[in-house]
PDB file of all heavy atoms in Angstrom:
ATOM      1  N   SER A   1      26.976  19.031 -49.314  1.00  0.00           N
ATOM      2  CA  SER A   1      27.134  17.860 -50.170  1.00  0.00           C
ATOM      3  C   SER A   1      28.397  17.106 -49.775  1.00  0.00           C
ATOM      4  O   SER A   1      29.272  17.638 -49.087  1.00  0.00           O
ATOM      5  CB  SER A   1      27.223  18.284 -51.635  1.00  0.00           C
ATOM      6  OG  SER A   1      28.416  19.019 -51.866  1.00  0.00           O
ATOM      7  N   SER A   2      28.500  15.865 -50.252  1.00  0.00           N
ATOM      8  CA  SER A   2      29.697  15.077 -49.976  1.00  0.00           C
ATOM      9  C   SER A   2      30.927  15.729 -50.596  1.00  0.00           C
ATOM     10  O   SER A   2      32.024  15.687 -50.031  1.00  0.00           O
ATOM     11  CB  SER A   2      29.529  13.658 -50.506  1.00  0.00           C
ATOM     12  OG  SER A   2      29.226  13.665 -51.892  1.00  0.00           O
ATOM     13  N   THR A   3      30.755  16.381 -51.756  1.00  0.00           N
ATOM     14  CA  THR A   3      31.871  17.071 -52.402  1.00  0.00           C
ATOM     15  C   THR A   3      32.377  18.215 -51.533  1.00  0.00           C
ATOM     16  O   THR A   3      33.586  18.412 -51.376  1.00  0.00           O
ATOM     17  CB  THR A   3      31.440  17.623 -53.776  1.00  0.00           C
ATOM     18  OG1 THR A   3      31.004  16.536 -54.600  1.00  0.00           O
ATOM     19  CG2 THR A   3      32.591  18.341 -54.460  1.00  0.00           C
ATOM     20  N   GLU A   4      31.444  18.967 -50.959  1.00  0.00           N
ATOM     21  CA  GLU A   4      31.835  20.080 -50.087  1.00  0.00           C
ATOM     22  C   GLU A   4      32.564  19.574 -48.841  1.00  0.00           C
ATOM     23  O   GLU A   4      33.549  20.178 -48.397  1.00  0.00           O
ATOM     24  CB  GLU A   4      30.604  20.887 -49.676  1.00  0.00           C
ATOM     25  CG  GLU A   4      30.010  21.720 -50.794  1.00  0.00           C
ATOM     26  CD  GLU A   4      28.754  22.434 -50.358  1.00  0.00           C
ATOM     27  OE1 GLU A   4      27.735  21.750 -50.098  1.00  0.00           O
ATOM     28  OE2 GLU A   4      28.782  23.664 -50.261  1.00  0.00           O
ATOM     29  N   LEU A   5      32.089  18.476 -48.281  1.00  0.00           N
ATOM     30  CA  LEU A   5      32.742  17.908 -47.110  1.00  0.00           C
ATOM     31  C   LEU A   5      34.172  17.489 -47.421  1.00  0.00           C
ATOM     32  O   LEU A   5      35.085  17.704 -46.621  1.00  0.00           O
ATOM     33  CB  LEU A   5      31.947  16.701 -46.593  1.00  0.00           C
ATOM     34  CG  LEU A   5      30.681  17.012 -45.795  1.00  0.00           C
ATOM     35  CD1 LEU A   5      29.927  15.732 -45.489  1.00  0.00           C
ATOM     36  CD2 LEU A   5      31.018  17.744 -44.501  1.00  0.00           C
ATOM     37  N   LEU A   6      34.377  16.890 -48.603  1.00  0.00           N
ATOM     38  CA  LEU A   6      35.720  16.471 -49.004  1.00  0.00           C
ATOM     39  C   LEU A   6      36.635  17.683 -49.198  1.00  0.00           C
ATOM     40  O   LEU A   6      37.799  17.668 -48.786  1.00  0.00           O
ATOM     41  CB  LEU A   6      35.655  15.640 -50.284  1.00  0.00           C
ATOM     42  CG  LEU A   6      35.095  14.224 -50.128  1.00  0.00           C
ATOM     43  CD1 LEU A   6      34.891  13.576 -51.502  1.00  0.00           C
ATOM     44  CD2 LEU A   6      36.028  13.363 -49.274  1.00  0.00           C
ATOM     45  N   ARG A   7      36.112  18.734 -49.829  1.00  0.00           N
ATOM     46  CA  ARG A   7      36.897  19.957 -50.020  1.00  0.00           C
ATOM     47  C   ARG A   7      37.276  20.568 -48.665  1.00  0.00           C
ATOM     48  O   ARG A   7      38.404  21.018 -48.463  1.00  0.00           O
ATOM     49  CB  ARG A   7      36.096  20.970 -50.833  1.00  0.00           C
ATOM     50  CG  ARG A   7      35.942  20.643 -52.309  1.00  0.00           C
ATOM     51  CD  ARG A   7      35.053  21.682 -52.955  1.00  0.00           C
ATOM     52  NE  ARG A   7      34.812  21.399 -54.364  1.00  0.00           N
ATOM     53  CZ  ARG A   7      33.883  22.004 -55.092  1.00  0.00           C
ATOM     54  NH1 ARG A   7      33.107  22.925 -54.523  1.00  0.00           N
ATOM     55  NH2 ARG A   7      33.725  21.708 -56.357  1.00  0.00           N
ATOM     56  N   PHE A   8      36.304  20.593 -47.776  1.00  0.00           N
ATOM     57  CA  PHE A   8      36.541  21.152 -46.447  1.00  0.00           C
ATOM     58  C   PHE A   8      37.626  20.362 -45.719  1.00  0.00           C
ATOM     59  O   PHE A   8      38.562  20.940 -45.146  1.00  0.00           O
ATOM     60  CB  PHE A   8      35.234  21.123 -45.644  1.00  0.00           C
ATOM     61  CG  PHE A   8      35.396  21.455 -44.190  1.00  0.00           C
ATOM     62  CD1 PHE A   8      35.606  22.760 -43.789  1.00  0.00           C
ATOM     63  CD2 PHE A   8      35.346  20.464 -43.222  1.00  0.00           C
ATOM     64  CE1 PHE A   8      35.761  23.078 -42.446  1.00  0.00           C
ATOM     65  CE2 PHE A   8      35.496  20.766 -41.881  1.00  0.00           C
ATOM     66  CZ  PHE A   8      35.707  22.074 -41.489  1.00  0.00           C
ATOM     67  N   TRP A   9      37.527  19.045 -45.745  1.00  0.00           N
ATOM     68  CA  TRP A   9      38.486  18.201 -45.038  1.00  0.00           C
ATOM     69  C   TRP A   9      39.889  18.347 -45.629  1.00  0.00           C
ATOM     70  O   TRP A   9      40.881  18.402 -44.891  1.00  0.00           O
ATOM     71  CB  TRP A   9      38.034  16.746 -45.085  1.00  0.00           C
ATOM     72  CG  TRP A   9      38.779  15.888 -44.110  1.00  0.00           C
ATOM     73  CD1 TRP A   9      39.695  14.921 -44.380  1.00  0.00           C
ATOM     74  CD2 TRP A   9      38.672  15.940 -42.682  1.00  0.00           C
ATOM     75  NE1 TRP A   9      40.170  14.369 -43.225  1.00  0.00           N
ATOM     76  CE2 TRP A   9      39.566  14.973 -42.165  1.00  0.00           C
ATOM     77  CE3 TRP A   9      37.909  16.707 -41.802  1.00  0.00           C
ATOM     78  CZ2 TRP A   9      39.710  14.759 -40.790  1.00  0.00           C
ATOM     79  CZ3 TRP A   9      38.059  16.503 -40.440  1.00  0.00           C
ATOM     80  CH2 TRP A   9      38.949  15.535 -39.951  1.00  0.00           C
ATOM     81  N   HIS A  10      39.972  18.442 -46.945  1.00  0.00           N
ATOM     82  CA  HIS A  10      41.268  18.613 -47.606  1.00  0.00           C
ATOM     83  C   HIS A  10      41.904  19.943 -47.200  1.00  0.00           C
ATOM     84  O   HIS A  10      43.108  20.004 -46.907  1.00  0.00           O
ATOM     85  CB  HIS A  10      41.099  18.546 -49.122  1.00  0.00           C
ATOM     86  CG  HIS A  10      42.366  18.775 -49.883  1.00  0.00           C
ATOM     87  ND1 HIS A  10      43.380  17.846 -49.929  1.00  0.00           N
ATOM     88  CD2 HIS A  10      42.799  19.839 -50.624  1.00  0.00           C
ATOM     89  CE1 HIS A  10      44.380  18.316 -50.658  1.00  0.00           C
ATOM     90  NE2 HIS A  10      44.051  19.521 -51.084  1.00  0.00           N
ATOM     91  N   PHE A  11      41.104  20.997 -47.174  1.00  0.00           N
ATOM     92  CA  PHE A  11      41.603  22.319 -46.781  1.00  0.00           C
ATOM     93  C   PHE A  11      42.123  22.283 -45.345  1.00  0.00           C
ATOM     94  O   PHE A  11      43.205  22.797 -45.050  1.00  0.00           O
ATOM     95  CB  PHE A  11      40.490  23.357 -46.916  1.00  0.00           C
ATOM     96  CG  PHE A  11      40.910  24.767 -46.602  1.00  0.00           C
ATOM     97  CD1 PHE A  11      41.438  25.581 -47.587  1.00  0.00           C
ATOM     98  CD2 PHE A  11      40.779  25.286 -45.320  1.00  0.00           C
ATOM     99  CE1 PHE A  11      41.833  26.886 -47.309  1.00  0.00           C
ATOM    100  CE2 PHE A  11      41.163  26.591 -45.029  1.00  0.00           C
ATOM    101  CZ  PHE A  11      41.693  27.383 -46.031  1.00  0.00           C
ATOM    102  N   MET A  12      41.365  21.668 -44.445  1.00  0.00           N
ATOM    103  CA  MET A  12      41.752  21.627 -43.042  1.00  0.00           C
ATOM    104  C   MET A  12      43.003  20.778 -42.826  1.00  0.00           C
ATOM    105  O   MET A  12      43.814  21.065 -41.953  1.00  0.00           O
ATOM    106  CB  MET A  12      40.594  21.091 -42.190  1.00  0.00           C
ATOM    107  CG  MET A  12      39.340  21.959 -42.200  1.00  0.00           C
ATOM    108  SD  MET A  12      39.570  23.599 -41.472  1.00  0.00           S
ATOM    109  CE  MET A  12      39.660  23.203 -39.730  1.00  0.00           C
ATOM    110  N   LYS A  13      43.188  19.741 -43.635  1.00  0.00           N
ATOM    111  CA  LYS A  13      44.392  18.917 -43.519  1.00  0.00           C
ATOM    112  C   LYS A  13      45.642  19.713 -43.866  1.00  0.00           C
ATOM    113  O   LYS A  13      46.741  19.414 -43.372  1.00  0.00           O
ATOM    114  CB  LYS A  13      44.281  17.700 -44.444  1.00  0.00           C
ATOM    115  CG  LYS A  13      43.434  16.561 -43.883  1.00  0.00           C
ATOM    116  CD  LYS A  13      43.462  15.358 -44.802  1.00  0.00           C
ATOM    117  CE  LYS A  13      44.845  14.730 -44.832  1.00  0.00           C
ATOM    118  NZ  LYS A  13      44.891  13.519 -45.689  1.00  0.00           N
ATOM    119  N   ASN A  14      45.488  20.720 -44.733  1.00  0.00           N
ATOM    120  CA  ASN A  14      46.626  21.531 -45.146  1.00  0.00           C
ATOM    121  C   ASN A  14      46.997  22.617 -44.130  1.00  0.00           C
ATOM    122  O   ASN A  14      47.899  23.417 -44.378  1.00  0.00           O
ATOM    123  CB  ASN A  14      46.341  22.190 -46.504  1.00  0.00           C
ATOM    124  CG  ASN A  14      46.417  21.190 -47.634  1.00  0.00           C
ATOM    125  OD1 ASN A  14      47.114  20.185 -47.542  1.00  0.00           O
ATOM    126  ND2 ASN A  14      45.695  21.449 -48.708  1.00  0.00           N
ATOM    127  N   ASN A  15      46.302  22.642 -42.984  1.00  0.00           N
ATOM    128  CA  ASN A  15      46.613  23.636 -41.957  1.00  0.00           C
ATOM    129  C   ASN A  15      48.050  23.512 -41.463  1.00  0.00           C
ATOM    130  O   ASN A  15      48.685  24.510 -41.117  1.00  0.00           O
ATOM    131  CB  ASN A  15      45.666  23.485 -40.759  1.00  0.00           C
ATOM    132  CG  ASN A  15      44.249  23.869 -41.115  1.00  0.00           C
ATOM    133  OD1 ASN A  15      44.007  24.497 -42.127  1.00  0.00           O
ATOM    134  ND2 ASN A  15      43.312  23.470 -40.277  1.00  0.00           N
ATOM    135  N   HIS A  16      48.562  22.285 -41.428  1.00  0.00           N
ATOM    136  CA  HIS A  16      49.919  22.079 -40.935  1.00  0.00           C
ATOM    137  C   HIS A  16      50.938  22.744 -41.862  1.00  0.00           C
ATOM    138  O   HIS A  16      51.892  23.382 -41.397  1.00  0.00           O
ATOM    139  CB  HIS A  16      50.205  20.584 -40.783  1.00  0.00           C
ATOM    140  CG  HIS A  16      49.388  19.931 -39.721  1.00  0.00           C
ATOM    141  ND1 HIS A  16      49.724  19.992 -38.374  1.00  0.00           N
ATOM    142  CD2 HIS A  16      48.227  19.230 -39.786  1.00  0.00           C
ATOM    143  CE1 HIS A  16      48.817  19.344 -37.667  1.00  0.00           C
ATOM    144  NE2 HIS A  16      47.893  18.874 -38.499  1.00  0.00           N
ATOM    145  N   CYS A  17      50.718  22.619 -43.165  1.00  0.00           N
ATOM    146  CA  CYS A  17      51.616  23.276 -44.129  1.00  0.00           C
ATOM    147  C   CYS A  17      51.549  24.787 -43.962  1.00  0.00           C
ATOM    148  O   CYS A  17      52.579  25.480 -44.029  1.00  0.00           O
ATOM    149  CB  CYS A  17      51.245  22.879 -45.551  1.00  0.00           C
ATOM    150  SG  CYS A  17      51.543  21.143 -45.934  1.00  0.00           S
ATOM    151  N   ALA A  18      50.327  25.300 -43.757  1.00  0.00           N
ATOM    152  CA  ALA A  18      50.163  26.744 -43.571  1.00  0.00           C
ATOM    153  C   ALA A  18      50.879  27.206 -42.309  1.00  0.00           C
ATOM    154  O   ALA A  18      51.615  28.200 -42.318  1.00  0.00           O
ATOM    155  CB  ALA A  18      48.676  27.102 -43.508  1.00  0.00           C
ATOM    156  N   ALA A  19      50.679  26.482 -41.212  1.00  0.00           N
ATOM    157  CA  ALA A  19      51.306  26.867 -39.941  1.00  0.00           C
ATOM    158  C   ALA A  19      52.825  26.882 -40.068  1.00  0.00           C
ATOM    159  O   ALA A  19      53.500  27.800 -39.567  1.00  0.00           O
ATOM    160  CB  ALA A  19      50.877  25.908 -38.832  1.00  0.00           C
ATOM    161  N   MET A  20      53.377  25.906 -40.737  1.00  0.00           N
ATOM    162  CA  MET A  20      54.829  25.809 -40.862  1.00  0.00           C
ATOM    163  C   MET A  20      55.418  26.872 -41.782  1.00  0.00           C
ATOM    164  O   MET A  20      56.635  27.026 -41.854  1.00  0.00           O
ATOM    165  CB  MET A  20      55.212  24.414 -41.341  1.00  0.00           C
ATOM    166  CG  MET A  20      55.030  23.343 -40.275  1.00  0.00           C
ATOM    167  SD  MET A  20      55.657  21.704 -40.764  1.00  0.00           S
ATOM    168  CE  MET A  20      54.355  21.175 -41.888  1.00  0.00           C
ATOM    169  N   SER A  21      54.558  27.621 -42.481  1.00  0.00           N
ATOM    170  CA  SER A  21      55.021  28.678 -43.388  1.00  0.00           C
ATOM    171  C   SER A  21      54.955  30.072 -42.766  1.00  0.00           C
ATOM    172  O   SER A  21      55.327  31.053 -43.398  1.00  0.00           O
ATOM    173  CB  SER A  21      54.189  28.657 -44.676  1.00  0.00           C
ATOM    174  OG  SER A  21      54.338  27.417 -45.355  1.00  0.00           O
ATOM    175  N   ILE A  22      54.442  30.170 -41.542  1.00  0.00           N
ATOM    176  CA  ILE A  22      54.310  31.478 -40.885  1.00  0.00           C
ATOM    177  C   ILE A  22      55.580  31.729 -40.074  1.00  0.00           C
ATOM    178  O   ILE A  22      55.732  31.253 -38.948  1.00  0.00           O
ATOM    179  CB  ILE A  22      53.057  31.518 -39.992  1.00  0.00           C
ATOM    180  CG1 ILE A  22      51.811  31.255 -40.834  1.00  0.00           C
ATOM    181  CG2 ILE A  22      52.941  32.869 -39.291  1.00  0.00           C
ATOM    182  CD1 ILE A  22      50.523  31.157 -40.038  1.00  0.00           C
ATOM    183  N   SER A  23      56.486  32.476 -40.656  1.00  0.00           N
ATOM    184  CA  SER A  23      57.816  32.614 -40.061  1.00  0.00           C
ATOM    185  C   SER A  23      58.009  33.875 -39.226  1.00  0.00           C
ATOM    186  O   SER A  23      58.926  33.933 -38.403  1.00  0.00           O
ATOM    187  CB  SER A  23      58.876  32.581 -41.168  1.00  0.00           C
ATOM    188  OG  SER A  23      58.659  33.638 -42.093  1.00  0.00           O
ATOM    189  N   GLY A  24      57.181  34.897 -39.437  1.00  0.00           N
ATOM    190  CA  GLY A  24      57.408  36.146 -38.711  1.00  0.00           C
ATOM    191  C   GLY A  24      56.171  36.804 -38.151  1.00  0.00           C
ATOM    192  O   GLY A  24      56.261  37.641 -37.246  1.00  0.00           O
ATOM    193  N   THR A  25      55.002  36.454 -38.650  1.00  0.00           N
ATOM    194  CA  THR A  25      53.759  37.087 -38.209  1.00  0.00           C
ATOM    195  C   THR A  25      53.421  36.689 -36.767  1.00  0.00           C
ATOM    196  O   THR A  25      53.459  35.495 -36.437  1.00  0.00           O
ATOM    197  CB  THR A  25      52.591  36.670 -39.123  1.00  0.00           C
ATOM    198  OG1 THR A  25      52.915  36.987 -40.472  1.00  0.00           O
ATOM    199  CG2 THR A  25      51.304  37.371 -38.728  1.00  0.00           C
ATOM    200  N   PRO A  26      53.082  37.643 -35.904  1.00  0.00           N
ATOM    201  CA  PRO A  26      52.647  37.288 -34.539  1.00  0.00           C
ATOM    202  C   PRO A  26      51.354  36.463 -34.579  1.00  0.00           C
ATOM    203  O   PRO A  26      50.424  36.796 -35.320  1.00  0.00           O
ATOM    204  CB  PRO A  26      52.400  38.649 -33.889  1.00  0.00           C
ATOM    205  CG  PRO A  26      53.219  39.616 -34.686  1.00  0.00           C
ATOM    206  CD  PRO A  26      53.179  39.099 -36.087  1.00  0.00           C
ATOM    207  N   VAL A  27      51.313  35.407 -33.796  1.00  0.00           N
ATOM    208  CA  VAL A  27      50.141  34.531 -33.768  1.00  0.00           C
ATOM    209  C   VAL A  27      49.731  34.264 -32.325  1.00  0.00           C
ATOM    210  O   VAL A  27      50.558  33.894 -31.484  1.00  0.00           O
ATOM    211  CB  VAL A  27      50.423  33.182 -34.469  1.00  0.00           C
ATOM    212  CG1 VAL A  27      49.213  32.250 -34.330  1.00  0.00           C
ATOM    213  CG2 VAL A  27      50.757  33.385 -35.938  1.00  0.00           C
ATOM    214  N   LEU A  28      48.446  34.458 -32.054  1.00  0.00           N
ATOM    215  CA  LEU A  28      47.843  34.044 -30.790  1.00  0.00           C
ATOM    216  C   LEU A  28      46.911  32.883 -31.114  1.00  0.00           C
ATOM    217  O   LEU A  28      45.945  33.055 -31.864  1.00  0.00           O
ATOM    218  CB  LEU A  28      47.056  35.190 -30.147  1.00  0.00           C
ATOM    219  CG  LEU A  28      46.241  34.826 -28.891  1.00  0.00           C
ATOM    220  CD1 LEU A  28      47.153  34.376 -27.755  1.00  0.00           C
ATOM    221  CD2 LEU A  28      45.365  35.999 -28.444  1.00  0.00           C
ATOM    222  N   MET A  29      47.202  31.702 -30.593  1.00  0.00           N
ATOM    223  CA  MET A  29      46.356  30.540 -30.838  1.00  0.00           C
ATOM    224  C   MET A  29      45.520  30.275 -29.602  1.00  0.00           C
ATOM    225  O   MET A  29      46.023  30.346 -28.466  1.00  0.00           O
ATOM    226  CB  MET A  29      47.201  29.328 -31.215  1.00  0.00           C
ATOM    227  CG  MET A  29      46.418  28.264 -31.975  1.00  0.00           C
ATOM    228  SD  MET A  29      47.484  27.063 -32.835  1.00  0.00           S
ATOM    229  CE  MET A  29      47.904  27.984 -34.319  1.00  0.00           C
ATOM    230  N   VAL A  30      44.241  29.969 -29.794  1.00  0.00           N
ATOM    231  CA  VAL A  30      43.287  29.865 -28.688  1.00  0.00           C
ATOM    232  C   VAL A  30      42.623  28.493 -28.699  1.00  0.00           C
ATOM    233  O   VAL A  30      42.270  27.966 -29.762  1.00  0.00           O
ATOM    234  CB  VAL A  30      42.215  30.972 -28.809  1.00  0.00           C
ATOM    235  CG1 VAL A  30      41.242  30.904 -27.630  1.00  0.00           C
ATOM    236  CG2 VAL A  30      42.863  32.356 -28.888  1.00  0.00           C
ATOM    237  N   GLN A  31      42.438  27.930 -27.510  1.00  0.00           N
ATOM    238  CA  GLN A  31      41.787  26.623 -27.366  1.00  0.00           C
ATOM    239  C   GLN A  31      41.019  26.582 -26.056  1.00  0.00           C
ATOM    240  O   GLN A  31      41.548  26.938 -25.003  1.00  0.00           O
ATOM    241  CB  GLN A  31      42.831  25.508 -27.390  1.00  0.00           C
ATOM    242  CG  GLN A  31      42.312  24.128 -27.046  1.00  0.00           C
ATOM    243  CD  GLN A  31      41.522  23.480 -28.165  1.00  0.00           C
ATOM    244  OE1 GLN A  31      41.944  23.509 -29.324  1.00  0.00           O
ATOM    245  NE2 GLN A  31      40.375  22.888 -27.849  1.00  0.00           N
ATOM    246  N   GLY A  32      39.752  26.167 -26.108  1.00  0.00           N
ATOM    247  CA  GLY A  32      38.972  25.958 -24.897  1.00  0.00           C
ATOM    248  C   GLY A  32      39.350  24.624 -24.266  1.00  0.00           C
ATOM    249  O   GLY A  32      39.478  23.625 -24.984  1.00  0.00           O
TER     250      GLY A  32
END
C-alpha cells in the first residue's frame, strides 16, 4: 500500500542517523 511505502521510505531515510550512532561495533559494509 502507499502507507507501507511511506513507512518504508521513512525508515530507510533514518539509516544515516543509525550509522552515525554505531561507535564501537565492527561493521562490514558490502556493495556490488
